[in-house]
Amino acid sequence: MKVYFKPEGGFGFFPGLNKPLELNSEQLPPEEADHLHQLIHAANFFNLPNQQPESTFGADQKKYTIRVESQDQQHLIQLQDTEIEPPLHNLLNYLNQKQKETRS
């Protein structure tokens, strides 16, 4: 499974520090790959709408693009940082953490 993650905007956004993240579960340790698969499954990712409605709160909201490709399906969503359901929020937290690790 391949995952593409791109955060944009938000307070103090620096494009050079927010490069897109690309993960391939086949290149992760088995426990981490399983965790990633569980996060995607728990978020019901492949059934989410492609784009969530724009929020009317603050112009400085973070926006995310997430694309997941598995052997038999592919799905892309775009969303803002507001009112995200807990399972999807857990996936976002994981991807944000992985992106931060790539900056080091």
PDB file of N, CA and C in Angstrom:
ATOM      1  N   MET A   1       0.834  -1.162   0.000  1.00  0.00           N
ATOM      2  CA  MET A   1       0.000   0.000   0.000  1.00  0.00           C
ATOM      3  C   MET A   1       0.890   1.240   0.000  1.00  0.00           C
ATOM      4  N   LYS A   2       0.524   2.209  -0.827  1.00  0.00           N
ATOM      5  CA  LYS A   2       1.264   3.468  -0.882  1.00  0.00           C
ATOM      6  C   LYS A   2       0.368   4.589  -0.374  1.00  0.00           C
ATOM      7  N   VAL A   3       0.977   5.501   0.392  1.00  0.00           N
ATOM      8  CA  VAL A   3       0.246   6.633   0.947  1.00  0.00           C
ATOM      9  C   VAL A   3       1.000   7.907   0.603  1.00  0.00           C
ATOM     10  N   TYR A   4       0.268   8.867   0.075  1.00  0.00           N
ATOM     11  CA  TYR A   4       0.806  10.185  -0.252  1.00  0.00           C
ATOM     12  C   TYR A   4       0.088  11.177   0.660  1.00  0.00           C
ATOM     13  N   PHE A   5       0.845  12.051   1.323  1.00  0.00           N
ATOM     14  CA  PHE A   5       0.287  13.000   2.291  1.00  0.00           C
ATOM     15  C   PHE A   5       0.902  14.366   2.060  1.00  0.00           C
ATOM     16  N   LYS A   6       0.034  15.374   1.907  1.00  0.00           N
ATOM     17  CA  LYS A   6       0.526  16.730   1.678  1.00  0.00           C
ATOM     18  C   LYS A   6      -0.274  17.717   2.539  1.00  0.00           C
ATOM     19  N   PRO A   7       0.362  18.281   3.585  1.00  0.00           N
ATOM     20  CA  PRO A   7      -0.292  19.332   4.367  1.00  0.00           C
ATOM     21  C   PRO A   7      -0.023  20.693   3.733  1.00  0.00           C
ATOM     22  N   GLU A   8      -0.973  21.601   3.888  1.00  0.00           N
ATOM     23  CA  GLU A   8      -0.812  22.951   3.362  1.00  0.00           C
ATOM     24  C   GLU A   8      -1.469  23.944   4.315  1.00  0.00           C
ATOM     25  N   GLY A   9      -0.950  25.166   4.329  1.00  0.00           N
ATOM     26  CA  GLY A   9      -1.559  26.246   5.081  1.00  0.00           C
ATOM     27  C   GLY A   9      -1.389  26.104   6.577  1.00  0.00           C
ATOM     28  N   GLY A  10      -2.192  26.867   7.283  1.00  0.00           N
ATOM     29  CA  GLY A  10      -2.113  26.874   8.729  1.00  0.00           C
ATOM     30  C   GLY A  10      -1.173  27.953   9.219  1.00  0.00           C
ATOM     31  N   PHE A  11      -1.246  28.234  10.479  1.00  0.00           N
ATOM     32  CA  PHE A  11      -0.419  29.262  11.086  1.00  0.00           C
ATOM     33  C   PHE A  11       1.050  28.868  10.990  1.00  0.00           C
ATOM     34  N   GLY A  12       1.872  29.787  10.521  1.00  0.00           N
ATOM     35  CA  GLY A  12       3.315  29.527  10.438  1.00  0.00           C
ATOM     36  C   GLY A  12       3.681  28.489   9.399  1.00  0.00           C
ATOM     37  N   PHE A  13       2.940  28.417   8.303  1.00  0.00           N
ATOM     38  CA  PHE A  13       3.219  27.435   7.246  1.00  0.00           C
ATOM     39  C   PHE A  13       4.485  27.822   6.489  1.00  0.00           C
ATOM     40  N   PHE A  14       5.417  26.901   6.421  1.00  0.00           N
ATOM     41  CA  PHE A  14       6.661  27.087   5.675  1.00  0.00           C
ATOM     42  C   PHE A  14       6.758  25.964   4.650  1.00  0.00           C
ATOM     43  N   PRO A  15       6.523  26.269   3.363  1.00  0.00           N
ATOM     44  CA  PRO A  15       6.507  25.215   2.345  1.00  0.00           C
ATOM     45  C   PRO A  15       7.737  24.314   2.359  1.00  0.00           C
ATOM     46  N   GLY A  16       8.909  24.865   2.623  1.00  0.00           N
ATOM     47  CA  GLY A  16      10.122  24.054   2.631  1.00  0.00           C
ATOM     48  C   GLY A  16      10.141  23.004   3.724  1.00  0.00           C
ATOM     49  N   LEU A  17       9.384  23.243   4.801  1.00  0.00           N
ATOM     50  CA  LEU A  17       9.318  22.278   5.900  1.00  0.00           C
ATOM     51  C   LEU A  17       8.132  21.336   5.768  1.00  0.00           C
ATOM     52  N   ASN A  18       7.301  21.553   4.784  1.00  0.00           N
ATOM     53  CA  ASN A  18       6.090  20.759   4.619  1.00  0.00           C
ATOM     54  C   ASN A  18       6.061  20.058   3.277  1.00  0.00           C
ATOM     55  N   LYS A  19       7.144  19.402   2.966  1.00  0.00           N
ATOM     56  CA  LYS A  19       7.200  18.657   1.715  1.00  0.00           C
ATOM     57  C   LYS A  19       6.279  17.442   1.811  1.00  0.00           C
ATOM     58  N   PRO A  20       5.700  17.046   0.687  1.00  0.00           N
ATOM     59  CA  PRO A  20       4.824  15.877   0.697  1.00  0.00           C
ATOM     60  C   PRO A  20       5.544  14.635   1.220  1.00  0.00           C
ATOM     61  N   LEU A  21       4.781  13.793   1.867  1.00  0.00           N
ATOM     62  CA  LEU A  21       5.284  12.535   2.402  1.00  0.00           C
ATOM     63  C   LEU A  21       4.765  11.401   1.532  1.00  0.00           C
ATOM     64  N   GLU A  22       5.641  10.490   1.202  1.00  0.00           N
ATOM     65  CA  GLU A  22       5.229   9.283   0.491  1.00  0.00           C
ATOM     66  C   GLU A  22       5.689   8.079   1.289  1.00  0.00           C
ATOM     67  N   LEU A  23       4.741   7.219   1.621  1.00  0.00           N
ATOM     68  CA  LEU A  23       5.043   5.998   2.375  1.00  0.00           C
ATOM     69  C   LEU A  23       4.665   4.787   1.539  1.00  0.00           C
ATOM     70  N   ASN A  24       5.469   3.760   1.633  1.00  0.00           N
ATOM     71  CA  ASN A  24       5.156   2.479   1.023  1.00  0.00           C
ATOM     72  C   ASN A  24       5.159   1.466   2.165  1.00  0.00           C
ATOM     73  N   SER A  25       4.014   0.877   2.452  1.00  0.00           N
ATOM     74  CA  SER A  25       3.918  -0.028   3.597  1.00  0.00           C
ATOM     75  C   SER A  25       4.858  -1.224   3.462  1.00  0.00           C
ATOM     76  N   GLU A  26       5.257  -1.554   2.246  1.00  0.00           N
ATOM     77  CA  GLU A  26       6.182  -2.679   2.048  1.00  0.00           C
ATOM     78  C   GLU A  26       7.592  -2.332   2.515  1.00  0.00           C
ATOM     79  N   GLN A  27       7.874  -1.043   2.693  1.00  0.00           N
ATOM     80  CA  GLN A  27       9.195  -0.615   3.141  1.00  0.00           C
ATOM     81  C   GLN A  27       9.222  -0.265   4.631  1.00  0.00           C
ATOM     82  N   LEU A  28       8.089  -0.423   5.298  1.00  0.00           N
ATOM     83  CA  LEU A  28       8.014  -0.160   6.737  1.00  0.00           C
ATOM     84  C   LEU A  28       8.232  -1.447   7.514  1.00  0.00           C
ATOM     85  N   PRO A  29       8.659  -1.352   8.768  1.00  0.00           N
ATOM     86  CA  PRO A  29       8.710  -2.550   9.602  1.00  0.00           C
ATOM     87  C   PRO A  29       7.308  -3.172   9.683  1.00  0.00           C
ATOM     88  N   PRO A  30       7.199  -4.488   9.798  1.00  0.00           N
ATOM     89  CA  PRO A  30       5.885  -5.151   9.772  1.00  0.00           C
ATOM     90  C   PRO A  30       4.872  -4.587  10.771  1.00  0.00           C
ATOM     91  N   GLU A  31       5.307  -4.278  11.994  1.00  0.00           N
ATOM     92  CA  GLU A  31       4.376  -3.761  13.001  1.00  0.00           C
ATOM     93  C   GLU A  31       3.836  -2.395  12.581  1.00  0.00           C
ATOM     94  N   GLU A  32       4.707  -1.565  12.026  1.00  0.00           N
ATOM     95  CA  GLU A  32       4.283  -0.231  11.600  1.00  0.00           C
ATOM     96  C   GLU A  32       3.385  -0.309  10.374  1.00  0.00           C
ATOM     97  N   ALA A  33       3.697  -1.206   9.455  1.00  0.00           N
ATOM     98  CA  ALA A  33       2.848  -1.395   8.276  1.00  0.00           C
ATOM     99  C   ALA A  33       1.453  -1.854   8.702  1.00  0.00           C
ATOM    100  N   ASP A  34       1.389  -2.776   9.656  1.00  0.00           N
ATOM    101  CA  ASP A  34       0.091  -3.226  10.180  1.00  0.00           C
ATOM    102  C   ASP A  34      -0.666  -2.068  10.824  1.00  0.00           C
ATOM    103  N   HIS A  35       0.050  -1.251  11.582  1.00  0.00           N
ATOM    104  CA  HIS A  35      -0.574  -0.100  12.234  1.00  0.00           C
ATOM    105  C   HIS A  35      -1.155   0.861  11.195  1.00  0.00           C
ATOM    106  N   LEU A  36      -0.404   1.141  10.144  1.00  0.00           N
ATOM    107  CA  LEU A  36      -0.875   2.021   9.081  1.00  0.00           C
ATOM    108  C   LEU A  36      -2.125   1.442   8.422  1.00  0.00           C
ATOM    109  N   HIS A  37      -2.122   0.155   8.123  1.00  0.00           N
ATOM    110  CA  HIS A  37      -3.290  -0.500   7.520  1.00  0.00           C
ATOM    111  C   HIS A  37      -4.498  -0.386   8.443  1.00  0.00           C
ATOM    112  N   GLN A  38      -4.282  -0.567   9.745  1.00  0.00           N
ATOM    113  CA  GLN A  38      -5.375  -0.467  10.710  1.00  0.00           C
ATOM    114  C   GLN A  38      -5.940   0.949  10.770  1.00  0.00           C
ATOM    115  N   LEU A  39      -5.065   1.960  10.733  1.00  0.00           N
ATOM    116  CA  LEU A  39      -5.523   3.350  10.751  1.00  0.00           C
ATOM    117  C   LEU A  39      -6.382   3.667   9.526  1.00  0.00           C
ATOM    118  N   ILE A  40      -5.949   3.193   8.366  1.00  0.00           N
ATOM    119  CA  ILE A  40      -6.696   3.439   7.131  1.00  0.00           C
ATOM    120  C   ILE A  40      -8.041   2.722   7.176  1.00  0.00           C
ATOM    121  N   HIS A  41      -8.034   1.496   7.658  1.00  0.00           N
ATOM    122  CA  HIS A  41      -9.280   0.728   7.770  1.00  0.00           C
ATOM    123  C   HIS A  41     -10.231   1.379   8.781  1.00  0.00           C
ATOM    124  N   ALA A  42      -9.711   1.767   9.952  1.00  0.00           N
ATOM    125  CA  ALA A  42     -10.544   2.377  10.996  1.00  0.00           C
ATOM    126  C   ALA A  42     -11.164   3.694  10.530  1.00  0.00           C
ATOM    127  N   ALA A  43     -10.441   4.443   9.696  1.00  0.00           N
ATOM    128  CA  ALA A  43     -10.951   5.713   9.176  1.00  0.00           C
ATOM    129  C   ALA A  43     -11.956   5.507   8.043  1.00  0.00           C
ATOM    130  N   ASN A  44     -12.133   4.244   7.620  1.00  0.00           N
ATOM    131  CA  ASN A  44     -13.027   3.937   6.505  1.00  0.00           C
ATOM    132  C   ASN A  44     -12.622   4.782   5.285  1.00  0.00           C
ATOM    133  N   PHE A  45     -11.314   4.868   5.095  1.00  0.00           N
ATOM    134  CA  PHE A  45     -10.724   5.809   4.147  1.00  0.00           C
ATOM    135  C   PHE A  45     -11.308   5.714   2.746  1.00  0.00           C
ATOM    136  N   PHE A  46     -11.447   4.521   2.226  1.00  0.00           N
ATOM    137  CA  PHE A  46     -11.871   4.365   0.829  1.00  0.00           C
ATOM    138  C   PHE A  46     -13.336   4.729   0.610  1.00  0.00           C
ATOM    139  N   ASN A  47     -14.079   4.973   1.691  1.00  0.00           N
ATOM    140  CA  ASN A  47     -15.477   5.388   1.572  1.00  0.00           C
ATOM    141  C   ASN A  47     -15.700   6.854   1.928  1.00  0.00           C
ATOM    142  N   LEU A  48     -14.627   7.577   2.233  1.00  0.00           N
ATOM    143  CA  LEU A  48     -14.749   8.998   2.556  1.00  0.00           C
ATOM    144  C   LEU A  48     -14.988   9.804   1.283  1.00  0.00           C
ATOM    145  N   PRO A  49     -15.703  10.935   1.391  1.00  0.00           N
ATOM    146  CA  PRO A  49     -15.873  11.784   0.205  1.00  0.00           C
ATOM    147  C   PRO A  49     -14.534  12.361  -0.227  1.00  0.00           C
ATOM    148  N   ASN A  50     -14.384  12.603  -1.516  1.00  0.00           N
ATOM    149  CA  ASN A  50     -13.115  13.109  -2.038  1.00  0.00           C
ATOM    150  C   ASN A  50     -12.733  14.450  -1.441  1.00  0.00           C
ATOM    151  N   GLN A  51     -13.712  15.311  -1.243  1.00  0.00           N
ATOM    152  CA  GLN A  51     -13.398  16.611  -0.667  1.00  0.00           C
ATOM    153  C   GLN A  51     -14.459  16.965   0.358  1.00  0.00           C
ATOM    154  N   GLN A  52     -14.015  17.258   1.562  1.00  0.00           N
ATOM    155  CA  GLN A  52     -14.948  17.671   2.586  1.00  0.00           C
ATOM    156  C   GLN A  52     -15.293  19.137   2.381  1.00  0.00           C
ATOM    157  N   PRO A  53     -16.483  19.559   2.809  1.00  0.00           N
ATOM    158  CA  PRO A  53     -16.886  20.947   2.622  1.00  0.00           C
ATOM    159  C   PRO A  53     -15.924  21.920   3.293  1.00  0.00           C
ATOM    160  N   GLU A  54     -15.719  23.052   2.659  1.00  0.00           N
ATOM    161  CA  GLU A  54     -14.854  24.097   3.221  1.00  0.00           C
ATOM    162  C   GLU A  54     -15.463  24.607   4.512  1.00  0.00           C
ATOM    163  N   SER A  55     -14.632  24.792   5.487  1.00  0.00           N
ATOM    164  CA  SER A  55     -15.064  25.341   6.760  1.00  0.00           C
ATOM    165  C   SER A  55     -15.137  26.859   6.656  1.00  0.00           C
ATOM    166  N   THR A  56     -16.031  27.438   7.400  1.00  0.00           N
ATOM    167  CA  THR A  56     -16.133  28.893   7.421  1.00  0.00           C
ATOM    168  C   THR A  56     -15.301  29.489   8.548  1.00  0.00           C
ATOM    169  N   PHE A  57     -14.666  28.660   9.365  1.00  0.00           N
ATOM    170  CA  PHE A  57     -13.843  29.145  10.463  1.00  0.00           C
ATOM    171  C   PHE A  57     -12.465  29.503   9.946  1.00  0.00           C
ATOM    172  N   GLY A  58     -11.885  30.509  10.476  1.00  0.00           N
ATOM    173  CA  GLY A  58     -10.509  30.940  10.247  1.00  0.00           C
ATOM    174  C   GLY A  58      -9.865  30.611   8.921  1.00  0.00           C
ATOM    175  N   ALA A  59      -9.284  31.613   8.323  1.00  0.00           N
ATOM    176  CA  ALA A  59      -8.605  31.427   7.042  1.00  0.00           C
ATOM    177  C   ALA A  59      -7.267  30.725   7.206  1.00  0.00           C
ATOM    178  N   ASP A  60      -6.827  30.557   8.439  1.00  0.00           N
ATOM    179  CA  ASP A  60      -5.512  29.978   8.682  1.00  0.00           C
ATOM    180  C   ASP A  60      -5.595  28.500   9.045  1.00  0.00           C
ATOM    181  N   GLN A  61      -6.588  27.815   8.542  1.00  0.00           N
ATOM    182  CA  GLN A  61      -6.777  26.394   8.815  1.00  0.00           C
ATOM    183  C   GLN A  61      -5.804  25.567   7.980  1.00  0.00           C
ATOM    184  N   LYS A  62      -5.355  24.470   8.555  1.00  0.00           N
ATOM    185  CA  LYS A  62      -4.521  23.543   7.780  1.00  0.00           C
ATOM    186  C   LYS A  62      -5.407  22.734   6.850  1.00  0.00           C
ATOM    187  N   LYS A  63      -4.865  22.454   5.689  1.00  0.00           N
ATOM    188  CA  LYS A  63      -5.551  21.620   4.702  1.00  0.00           C
ATOM    189  C   LYS A  63      -4.655  20.428   4.398  1.00  0.00           C
ATOM    190  N   TYR A  64      -5.267  19.306   4.091  1.00  0.00           N
ATOM    191  CA  TYR A  64      -4.524  18.079   3.836  1.00  0.00           C
ATOM    192  C   TYR A  64      -5.026  17.405   2.574  1.00  0.00           C
ATOM    193  N   THR A  65      -4.100  16.821   1.851  1.00  0.00           N
ATOM    194  CA  THR A  65      -4.429  15.922   0.747  1.00  0.00           C
ATOM    195  C   THR A  65      -3.832  14.572   1.114  1.00  0.00           C
ATOM    196  N   ILE A  66      -4.662  13.541   1.059  1.00  0.00           N
ATOM    197  CA  ILE A  66      -4.201  12.176   1.344  1.00  0.00           C
ATOM    198  C   ILE A  66      -4.668  11.286   0.201  1.00  0.00           C
ATOM    199  N   ARG A  67      -3.718  10.560  -0.369  1.00  0.00           N
ATOM    200  CA  ARG A  67      -4.043   9.578  -1.410  1.00  0.00           C
ATOM    201  C   ARG A  67      -3.512   8.230  -0.961  1.00  0.00           C
ATOM    202  N   VAL A  68      -4.345   7.218  -1.060  1.00  0.00           N
ATOM    203  CA  VAL A  68      -3.939   5.865  -0.692  1.00  0.00           C
ATOM    204  C   VAL A  68      -4.164   4.961  -1.898  1.00  0.00           C
ATOM    205  N   GLU A  69      -3.139   4.190  -2.222  1.00  0.00           N
ATOM    206  CA  GLU A  69      -3.211   3.235  -3.322  1.00  0.00           C
ATOM    207  C   GLU A  69      -2.934   1.847  -2.766  1.00  0.00           C
ATOM    208  N   SER A  70      -3.884   0.956  -2.980  1.00  0.00           N
ATOM    209  CA  SER A  70      -3.662  -0.442  -2.615  1.00  0.00           C
ATOM    210  C   SER A  70      -3.654  -1.244  -3.904  1.00  0.00           C
ATOM    211  N   GLN A  71      -3.542  -2.548  -3.794  1.00  0.00           N
ATOM    212  CA  GLN A  71      -3.473  -3.375  -5.001  1.00  0.00           C
ATOM    213  C   GLN A  71      -4.719  -3.253  -5.863  1.00  0.00           C
ATOM    214  N   ASP A  72      -5.882  -3.092  -5.233  1.00  0.00           N
ATOM    215  CA  ASP A  72      -7.122  -3.116  -5.998  1.00  0.00           C
ATOM    216  C   ASP A  72      -7.920  -1.814  -5.979  1.00  0.00           C
ATOM    217  N   GLN A  73      -7.426  -0.794  -5.264  1.00  0.00           N
ATOM    218  CA  GLN A  73      -8.163   0.465  -5.259  1.00  0.00           C
ATOM    219  C   GLN A  73      -7.255   1.648  -4.954  1.00  0.00           C
ATOM    220  N   GLN A  74      -7.770   2.817  -5.283  1.00  0.00           N
ATOM    221  CA  GLN A  74      -7.039   4.064  -5.069  1.00  0.00           C
ATOM    222  C   GLN A  74      -8.077   5.118  -4.694  1.00  0.00           C
ATOM    223  N   HIS A  75      -7.717   5.989  -3.742  1.00  0.00           N
ATOM    224  CA  HIS A  75      -8.670   7.015  -3.313  1.00  0.00           C
ATOM    225  C   HIS A  75      -7.901   8.237  -2.839  1.00  0.00           C
ATOM    226  N   LEU A  76      -8.431   9.428  -3.135  1.00  0.00           N
ATOM    227  CA  LEU A  76      -7.821  10.678  -2.730  1.00  0.00           C
ATOM    228  C   LEU A  76      -8.870  11.513  -2.006  1.00  0.00           C
ATOM    229  N   ILE A  77      -8.465  12.102  -0.875  1.00  0.00           N
ATOM    230  CA  ILE A  77      -9.346  13.023  -0.175  1.00  0.00           C
ATOM    231  C   ILE A  77      -8.598  14.318   0.108  1.00  0.00           C
ATOM    232  N   GLN A  78      -9.347  15.391   0.227  1.00  0.00           N
ATOM    233  CA  GLN A  78      -8.821  16.674   0.662  1.00  0.00           C
ATOM    234  C   GLN A  78      -9.719  17.145   1.793  1.00  0.00           C
ATOM    235  N   LEU A  79      -9.111  17.617   2.865  1.00  0.00           N
ATOM    236  CA  LEU A  79      -9.889  18.028   4.012  1.00  0.00           C
ATOM    237  C   LEU A  79      -9.190  19.127   4.778  1.00  0.00           C
ATOM    238  N   GLN A  80      -9.967  19.773   5.657  1.00  0.00           N
ATOM    239  CA  GLN A  80      -9.412  20.792   6.541  1.00  0.00           C
ATOM    240  C   GLN A  80      -9.302  20.223   7.940  1.00  0.00           C
ATOM    241  N   ASP A  81      -8.632  20.978   8.774  1.00  0.00           N
ATOM    242  CA  ASP A  81      -8.288  20.542  10.123  1.00  0.00           C
ATOM    243  C   ASP A  81      -9.414  20.709  11.137  1.00  0.00           C
ATOM    244  N   THR A  82     -10.647  20.889  10.687  1.00  0.00           N
ATOM    245  CA  THR A  82     -11.753  21.114  11.612  1.00  0.00           C
ATOM    246  C   THR A  82     -12.735  19.958  11.576  1.00  0.00           C
ATOM    247  N   GLU A  83     -13.291  19.666  12.703  1.00  0.00           N
ATOM    248  CA  GLU A  83     -14.360  18.675  12.824  1.00  0.00           C
ATOM    249  C   GLU A  83     -14.047  17.356  12.120  1.00  0.00           C
ATOM    250  N   ILE A  84     -12.881  16.831  12.401  1.00  0.00           N
ATOM    251  CA  ILE A  84     -12.471  15.553  11.820  1.00  0.00           C
ATOM    252  C   ILE A  84     -12.835  14.444  12.803  1.00  0.00           C
ATOM    253  N   GLU A  85     -13.451  13.401  12.306  1.00  0.00           N
ATOM    254  CA  GLU A  85     -13.826  12.266  13.147  1.00  0.00           C
ATOM    255  C   GLU A  85     -12.579  11.622  13.747  1.00  0.00           C
ATOM    256  N   PRO A  86     -12.673  11.096  14.965  1.00  0.00           N
ATOM    257  CA  PRO A  86     -11.487  10.530  15.644  1.00  0.00           C
ATOM    258  C   PRO A  86     -10.677   9.516  14.834  1.00  0.00           C
ATOM    259  N   PRO A  87     -11.290   8.552  14.137  1.00  0.00           N
ATOM    260  CA  PRO A  87     -10.441   7.607  13.386  1.00  0.00           C
ATOM    261  C   PRO A  87      -9.607   8.287  12.295  1.00  0.00           C
ATOM    262  N   LEU A  88     -10.182   9.266  11.608  1.00  0.00           N
ATOM    263  CA  LEU A  88      -9.428   9.993  10.582  1.00  0.00           C
ATOM    264  C   LEU A  88      -8.396  10.891  11.246  1.00  0.00           C
ATOM    265  N   HIS A  89      -8.729  11.445  12.382  1.00  0.00           N
ATOM    266  CA  HIS A  89      -7.782  12.278  13.129  1.00  0.00           C
ATOM    267  C   HIS A  89      -6.554  11.451  13.532  1.00  0.00           C
ATOM    268  N   ASN A  90      -6.766  10.194  13.921  1.00  0.00           N
ATOM    269  CA  ASN A  90      -5.649   9.311  14.280  1.00  0.00           C
ATOM    270  C   ASN A  90      -4.730   9.076  13.082  1.00  0.00           C
ATOM    271  N   LEU A  91      -5.310   8.900  11.906  1.00  0.00           N
ATOM    272  CA  LEU A  91      -4.506   8.733  10.687  1.00  0.00           C
ATOM    273  C   LEU A  91      -3.721  10.012  10.396  1.00  0.00           C
ATOM    274  N   LEU A  92      -4.372  11.171  10.525  1.00  0.00           N
ATOM    275  CA  LEU A  92      -3.684  12.450  10.309  1.00  0.00           C
ATOM    276  C   LEU A  92      -2.528  12.628  11.283  1.00  0.00           C
ATOM    277  N   ASN A  93      -2.742  12.284  12.541  1.00  0.00           N
ATOM    278  CA  ASN A  93      -1.670  12.394  13.537  1.00  0.00           C
ATOM    279  C   ASN A  93      -0.473  11.537  13.147  1.00  0.00           C
ATOM    280  N   TYR A  94      -0.749  10.316  12.730  1.00  0.00           N
ATOM    281  CA  TYR A  94       0.320   9.400  12.315  1.00  0.00           C
ATOM    282  C   TYR A  94       1.096   9.983  11.131  1.00  0.00           C
ATOM    283  N   LEU A  95       0.373  10.454  10.111  1.00  0.00           N
ATOM    284  CA  LEU A  95       1.026  10.992   8.914  1.00  0.00           C
ATOM    285  C   LEU A  95       1.797  12.271   9.230  1.00  0.00           C
ATOM    286  N   ASN A  96       1.241  13.132  10.074  1.00  0.00           N
ATOM    287  CA  ASN A  96       1.973  14.341  10.483  1.00  0.00           C
ATOM    288  C   ASN A  96       3.269  13.978  11.197  1.00  0.00           C
ATOM    289  N   GLN A  97       3.211  12.983  12.069  1.00  0.00           N
ATOM    290  CA  GLN A  97       4.407  12.554  12.800  1.00  0.00           C
ATOM    291  C   GLN A  97       5.456  11.983  11.845  1.00  0.00           C
ATOM    292  N   LYS A  98       5.026  11.171  10.896  1.00  0.00           N
ATOM    293  CA  LYS A  98       5.963  10.597   9.927  1.00  0.00           C
ATOM    294  C   LYS A  98       6.598  11.695   9.075  1.00  0.00           C
ATOM    295  N   GLN A  99       5.808  12.711   8.727  1.00  0.00           N
ATOM    296  CA  GLN A  99       6.358  13.800   7.931  1.00  0.00           C
ATOM    297  C   GLN A  99       7.400  14.576   8.735  1.00  0.00           C
ATOM    298  N   LYS A 100       7.134  14.802  10.009  1.00  0.00           N
ATOM    299  CA  LYS A 100       8.100  15.494  10.871  1.00  0.00           C
ATOM    300  C   LYS A 100       9.403  14.710  10.975  1.00  0.00           C
ATOM    301  N   GLU A 101       9.300  13.377  11.036  1.00  0.00           N
ATOM    302  CA  GLU A 101      10.482  12.523  11.117  1.00  0.00           C
ATOM    303  C   GLU A 101      11.348  12.653   9.878  1.00  0.00           C
ATOM    304  N   THR A 102      10.753  12.904   8.728  1.00  0.00           N
ATOM    305  CA  THR A 102      11.533  13.015   7.486  1.00  0.00           C
ATOM    306  C   THR A 102      12.304  14.322   7.416  1.00  0.00           C
ATOM    307  N   ARG A 103      11.930  15.306   8.233  1.00  0.00           N
ATOM    308  CA  ARG A 103      12.639  16.591   8.260  1.00  0.00           C
ATOM    309  C   ARG A 103      13.942  16.500   9.022  1.00  0.00           C
ATOM    310  N   SER A 104      14.082  15.516   9.866  1.00  0.00           N
ATOM    311  CA  SER A 104      15.266  15.398  10.726  1.00  0.00           C
ATOM    312  C   SER A 104      16.478  14.927   9.968  1.00  0.00           C
TER     313      SER A 104
END
